[in-house]
C-alpha cells in the first residue's frame, strides 16, 4: 500500500469519484481519470511535506518541521 493510499479514501459512483484525506484536510471530486488523481496527489504531497501525516506514516510532525524552518530562516 502506498503512502497516499494509507492516508486517503477513494469513492467511485459511476464515472464520478471522490478522493478525500482521512484527516479531513482536503478532498477532490470529479470525473474518474488521471487529472483527478494528479490533483489529489498534489494536495497529498503538500500536506505530507508539512508533516501532517506523521501520525499515520511516521516521520517529523508539523511542529518539528515548523521549528526547523524557523531556525533556518533565523540563520541558526
Protein backbone atom coordinates (compact mmCIF):
# COMPACT_ATOMS: atom_id res chain seq x y z
CA UNK A 1 0.00 0.00 0.00
CA UNK A 2 1.36 3.42 -0.95
CA UNK A 3 1.51 6.42 1.40
CA UNK A 4 -1.34 8.16 -0.40
CA UNK A 5 -3.48 5.02 -0.13
CA UNK A 6 -2.85 4.87 3.63
CA UNK A 7 -3.94 8.49 4.07
CA UNK A 8 -6.93 8.83 1.74
CA UNK A 9 -10.33 7.34 0.99
CA UNK A 10 -11.42 6.73 -2.59
CA UNK A 11 -15.09 6.52 -3.55
CA UNK A 12 -16.43 5.97 -7.04
CA UNK A 13 -20.02 6.35 -8.22
CA UNK A 14 -20.33 5.69 -11.92
CA UNK A 15 -17.92 7.99 -13.70
CA UNK A 16 -17.63 10.37 -10.69
CA UNK A 17 -15.03 9.94 -7.96
CA UNK A 18 -14.11 11.50 -4.66
CA UNK A 19 -10.65 11.22 -3.12
CA UNK A 20 -10.52 12.59 0.40
CA UNK A 21 -7.92 12.96 3.10
CA UNK A 22 -8.56 10.70 6.10
CA UNK A 23 -7.67 13.65 8.36
CA UNK A 24 -10.31 15.89 6.75
CA UNK A 25 -7.77 18.37 5.40
CA UNK A 26 -8.84 18.25 1.74
CA UNK A 27 -10.86 16.37 -0.88
CA UNK A 28 -11.23 16.40 -4.63
CA UNK A 29 -14.22 15.35 -6.69
CA UNK A 30 -14.70 14.95 -10.40
CA UNK A 31 -14.76 12.63 -13.35
CA UNK A 32 -12.69 9.49 -12.94
CA UNK A 33 -9.29 9.91 -14.56
CA UNK A 34 -5.69 10.92 -14.32
CA UNK A 35 -6.45 14.62 -13.80
CA UNK A 36 -8.35 13.86 -10.59
CA UNK A 37 -5.61 11.57 -9.32
CA UNK A 38 -2.97 14.20 -10.10
CA UNK A 39 -4.94 16.85 -8.20
CA UNK A 40 -5.28 14.57 -5.16
CA UNK A 41 -1.56 13.75 -5.34
CA UNK A 42 -0.74 17.45 -5.40
CA UNK A 43 -2.65 18.12 -2.16
CA UNK A 44 -1.31 14.97 -0.54
CA UNK A 45 2.32 15.87 -1.29
CA UNK A 46 1.89 19.39 0.10
CA UNK A 47 0.40 18.22 3.38
CA UNK A 48 2.87 15.33 3.65
CA UNK A 49 5.79 17.75 3.21
CA UNK A 50 4.37 19.79 6.09
CA UNK A 51 4.30 16.69 8.32
CA UNK A 52 0.52 16.43 8.55
CA UNK A 53 0.56 12.66 8.03
CA UNK A 54 3.28 11.93 10.59
CA UNK A 55 0.88 10.07 12.91
CA UNK A 56 -0.08 7.71 10.07
CA UNK A 57 3.23 7.42 8.21
CA UNK A 58 5.80 8.30 10.86
CA UNK A 59 8.41 10.98 10.45
CA UNK A 60 8.56 14.58 11.57
CA UNK A 61 5.48 16.29 12.97
CA UNK A 62 4.22 19.66 11.72
CA UNK A 63 5.75 21.29 14.82
CA UNK A 64 9.16 19.70 14.13
CA UNK A 65 9.10 20.94 10.54
CA UNK A 66 7.94 24.42 11.61
CA UNK A 67 10.74 24.68 14.14
CA UNK A 68 13.34 23.56 11.58
CA UNK A 69 12.11 26.06 9.00
CA UNK A 70 12.09 28.84 11.59
CA UNK A 71 15.64 28.04 12.65
CA UNK A 72 16.79 28.09 9.03
CA UNK A 73 15.15 31.44 8.40
CA UNK A 74 16.67 32.89 11.59
CA UNK A 75 20.12 31.76 10.43
CA UNK A 76 20.67 29.40 13.38
